[in-house]
Amino acid sequence: MKKDGQALVEYILIIALISVIAIALVNYFGGYLKDAITKSSCSLVDEKYVKGDKPGEAKCEEIKEEE
């Protein structure tokens, strides 16, 4: 029996499995990552970070100055 292509198939299966796991993790934690990026960008532009109802819905709002 020839086993020349067996290693290649195994590598492809491993890469496919890692890709599926990576996509699932990004889908699950994507909202939290987006909120973290939004929070850091709000501080860069001197705006107030407002947490959203769900992960990924946070936003920056202008800081209103009192007169």
N, C-alpha and C. Protein backbone atom coordinates (compact mmCIF):
# COMPACT_ATOMS: atom_id res chain seq x y z
N MET A 1 0.84 -1.19 0.00
CA MET A 1 0.00 0.00 0.00
C MET A 1 0.88 1.24 0.00
N LYS A 2 0.45 2.22 -0.75
CA LYS A 2 1.19 3.47 -0.79
C LYS A 2 0.57 4.44 0.22
N LYS A 3 1.43 5.13 0.96
CA LYS A 3 0.96 6.10 1.96
C LYS A 3 1.56 7.48 1.68
N ASP A 4 1.84 7.77 0.42
CA ASP A 4 2.47 9.04 0.06
C ASP A 4 1.58 10.23 0.40
N GLY A 5 0.31 10.15 0.15
CA GLY A 5 -0.59 11.29 0.35
C GLY A 5 -1.21 11.36 1.73
N GLN A 6 -0.94 10.38 2.57
CA GLN A 6 -1.57 10.33 3.88
C GLN A 6 -1.17 11.52 4.75
N ALA A 7 0.10 11.89 4.75
CA ALA A 7 0.57 13.01 5.58
C ALA A 7 -0.08 14.32 5.14
N LEU A 8 -0.22 14.50 3.83
CA LEU A 8 -0.83 15.72 3.31
C LEU A 8 -2.28 15.82 3.76
N VAL A 9 -3.01 14.73 3.67
CA VAL A 9 -4.41 14.71 4.10
C VAL A 9 -4.51 15.01 5.59
N GLU A 10 -3.62 14.45 6.38
CA GLU A 10 -3.65 14.71 7.83
C GLU A 10 -3.39 16.19 8.12
N TYR A 11 -2.43 16.78 7.42
CA TYR A 11 -2.16 18.21 7.62
C TYR A 11 -3.36 19.06 7.23
N ILE A 12 -4.01 18.71 6.15
CA ILE A 12 -5.20 19.46 5.71
C ILE A 12 -6.31 19.35 6.74
N LEU A 13 -6.51 18.16 7.30
CA LEU A 13 -7.55 17.98 8.33
C LEU A 13 -7.23 18.78 9.59
N ILE A 14 -5.97 18.81 9.98
CA ILE A 14 -5.57 19.59 11.16
C ILE A 14 -5.79 21.08 10.92
N ILE A 15 -5.40 21.57 9.75
CA ILE A 15 -5.60 22.99 9.42
C ILE A 15 -7.08 23.33 9.37
N ALA A 16 -7.90 22.43 8.82
CA ALA A 16 -9.35 22.67 8.77
C ALA A 16 -9.93 22.73 10.17
N LEU A 17 -9.51 21.84 11.05
CA LEU A 17 -10.01 21.83 12.42
C LEU A 17 -9.62 23.11 13.15
N ILE A 18 -8.38 23.53 13.00
CA ILE A 18 -7.93 24.78 13.65
C ILE A 18 -8.70 25.97 13.10
N SER A 19 -8.98 25.98 11.80
CA SER A 19 -9.73 27.08 11.20
C SER A 19 -11.15 27.14 11.75
N VAL A 20 -11.79 26.00 11.88
CA VAL A 20 -13.16 25.97 12.41
C VAL A 20 -13.18 26.46 13.86
N ILE A 21 -12.21 26.05 14.65
CA ILE A 21 -12.13 26.50 16.05
C ILE A 21 -11.88 28.00 16.11
N ALA A 22 -10.99 28.51 15.27
CA ALA A 22 -10.69 29.95 15.27
C ALA A 22 -11.92 30.76 14.88
N ILE A 23 -12.66 30.32 13.88
CA ILE A 23 -13.87 31.03 13.45
C ILE A 23 -14.92 31.01 14.56
N ALA A 24 -15.07 29.88 15.23
CA ALA A 24 -16.04 29.78 16.32
C ALA A 24 -15.66 30.72 17.47
N LEU A 25 -14.38 30.80 17.80
CA LEU A 25 -13.94 31.68 18.88
C LEU A 25 -14.16 33.16 18.52
N VAL A 26 -13.88 33.53 17.29
CA VAL A 26 -14.10 34.91 16.88
C VAL A 26 -15.59 35.25 16.91
N ASN A 27 -16.44 34.33 16.48
CA ASN A 27 -17.88 34.56 16.53
C ASN A 27 -18.37 34.70 17.96
N TYR A 28 -17.82 33.89 18.86
CA TYR A 28 -18.26 33.91 20.26
C TYR A 28 -17.75 35.14 21.00
N PHE A 29 -16.47 35.47 20.83
CA PHE A 29 -15.86 36.57 21.55
C PHE A 29 -15.79 37.86 20.74
N GLY A 30 -16.32 37.87 19.53
CA GLY A 30 -16.22 39.04 18.66
C GLY A 30 -16.79 40.31 19.26
N GLY A 31 -17.95 40.20 19.90
CA GLY A 31 -18.57 41.38 20.51
C GLY A 31 -17.72 41.95 21.63
N TYR A 32 -17.13 41.08 22.41
CA TYR A 32 -16.27 41.54 23.51
C TYR A 32 -15.01 42.22 22.97
N LEU A 33 -14.46 41.66 21.88
CA LEU A 33 -13.29 42.28 21.26
C LEU A 33 -13.64 43.65 20.69
N LYS A 34 -14.80 43.75 20.06
CA LYS A 34 -15.24 45.02 19.49
C LYS A 34 -15.42 46.06 20.60
N ASP A 35 -16.00 45.65 21.73
CA ASP A 35 -16.18 46.57 22.85
C ASP A 35 -14.83 47.03 23.41
N ALA A 36 -13.86 46.15 23.49
CA ALA A 36 -12.54 46.52 23.99
C ALA A 36 -11.87 47.54 23.07
N ILE A 37 -12.00 47.33 21.78
CA ILE A 37 -11.42 48.27 20.82
C ILE A 37 -12.15 49.61 20.89
N THR A 38 -13.47 49.58 21.02
CA THR A 38 -14.25 50.82 21.13
C THR A 38 -13.86 51.58 22.39
N LYS A 39 -13.70 50.86 23.49
CA LYS A 39 -13.33 51.51 24.75
C LYS A 39 -11.98 52.22 24.64
N SER A 40 -11.01 51.57 24.03
CA SER A 40 -9.70 52.21 23.90
C SER A 40 -9.74 53.36 22.91
N SER A 41 -10.55 53.26 21.86
CA SER A 41 -10.62 54.35 20.89
C SER A 41 -11.36 55.56 21.46
N CYS A 42 -12.32 55.33 22.35
CA CYS A 42 -13.03 56.45 22.98
C CYS A 42 -12.05 57.31 23.79
N SER A 43 -11.15 56.67 24.50
CA SER A 43 -10.20 57.42 25.29
C SER A 43 -9.22 58.19 24.40
N LEU A 44 -8.95 57.68 23.22
CA LEU A 44 -8.03 58.37 22.31
C LEU A 44 -8.63 59.65 21.74
N VAL A 45 -9.94 59.68 21.55
CA VAL A 45 -10.59 60.85 20.96
C VAL A 45 -11.32 61.69 22.02
N ASP A 46 -11.02 61.46 23.28
CA ASP A 46 -11.61 62.20 24.41
C ASP A 46 -13.14 62.17 24.39
N GLU A 47 -13.68 60.99 24.22
CA GLU A 47 -15.12 60.81 24.31
C GLU A 47 -15.43 59.81 25.41
N LYS A 48 -16.69 59.78 25.82
CA LYS A 48 -17.12 58.91 26.91
C LYS A 48 -17.56 57.56 26.34
N TYR A 49 -17.10 56.49 26.97
CA TYR A 49 -17.47 55.13 26.58
C TYR A 49 -18.82 54.80 27.19
N VAL A 50 -19.76 54.35 26.35
CA VAL A 50 -21.09 53.96 26.81
C VAL A 50 -21.29 52.50 26.47
N LYS A 51 -21.48 51.69 27.50
CA LYS A 51 -21.66 50.25 27.32
C LYS A 51 -23.02 49.96 26.70
N GLY A 52 -23.07 49.04 25.76
CA GLY A 52 -24.32 48.66 25.11
C GLY A 52 -25.07 47.59 25.89
N ASP A 53 -26.26 47.28 25.42
CA ASP A 53 -27.07 46.24 26.06
C ASP A 53 -26.49 44.85 25.84
N LYS A 54 -25.90 44.64 24.66
CA LYS A 54 -25.32 43.36 24.31
C LYS A 54 -23.85 43.56 23.96
N PRO A 55 -23.05 42.51 24.02
CA PRO A 55 -21.64 42.63 23.59
C PRO A 55 -21.56 43.07 22.13
N GLY A 56 -20.74 44.07 21.88
CA GLY A 56 -20.56 44.59 20.53
C GLY A 56 -21.39 45.81 20.22
N GLU A 57 -22.23 46.26 21.18
CA GLU A 57 -23.10 47.41 20.94
C GLU A 57 -22.61 48.67 21.66
N ALA A 58 -21.43 48.64 22.22
CA ALA A 58 -20.91 49.83 22.92
C ALA A 58 -20.61 50.93 21.92
N LYS A 59 -20.58 52.17 22.41
CA LYS A 59 -20.31 53.31 21.52
C LYS A 59 -19.64 54.43 22.30
N CYS A 60 -19.14 55.38 21.56
CA CYS A 60 -18.52 56.57 22.14
C CYS A 60 -19.51 57.73 22.01
N GLU A 61 -19.58 58.54 23.05
CA GLU A 61 -20.42 59.73 23.00
C GLU A 61 -19.59 60.94 23.38
N GLU A 62 -19.94 62.07 22.80
CA GLU A 62 -19.25 63.31 23.12
C GLU A 62 -19.49 63.66 24.58
N ILE A 63 -18.45 64.17 25.20
CA ILE A 63 -18.57 64.63 26.59
C ILE A 63 -19.17 66.02 26.55
N LYS A 64 -20.34 66.16 27.17
CA LYS A 64 -21.02 67.46 27.17
C LYS A 64 -20.46 68.32 28.30
N GLU A 65 -20.09 69.51 27.94
CA GLU A 65 -19.55 70.43 28.94
C GLU A 65 -20.69 71.21 29.57
N GLU A 66 -20.64 71.34 30.87
CA GLU A 66 -21.65 72.10 31.62
C GLU A 66 -21.35 73.59 31.46
N GLU A 67 -22.37 74.38 31.28
CA GLU A 67 -22.17 75.82 31.15
C GLU A 67 -22.35 76.53 32.47
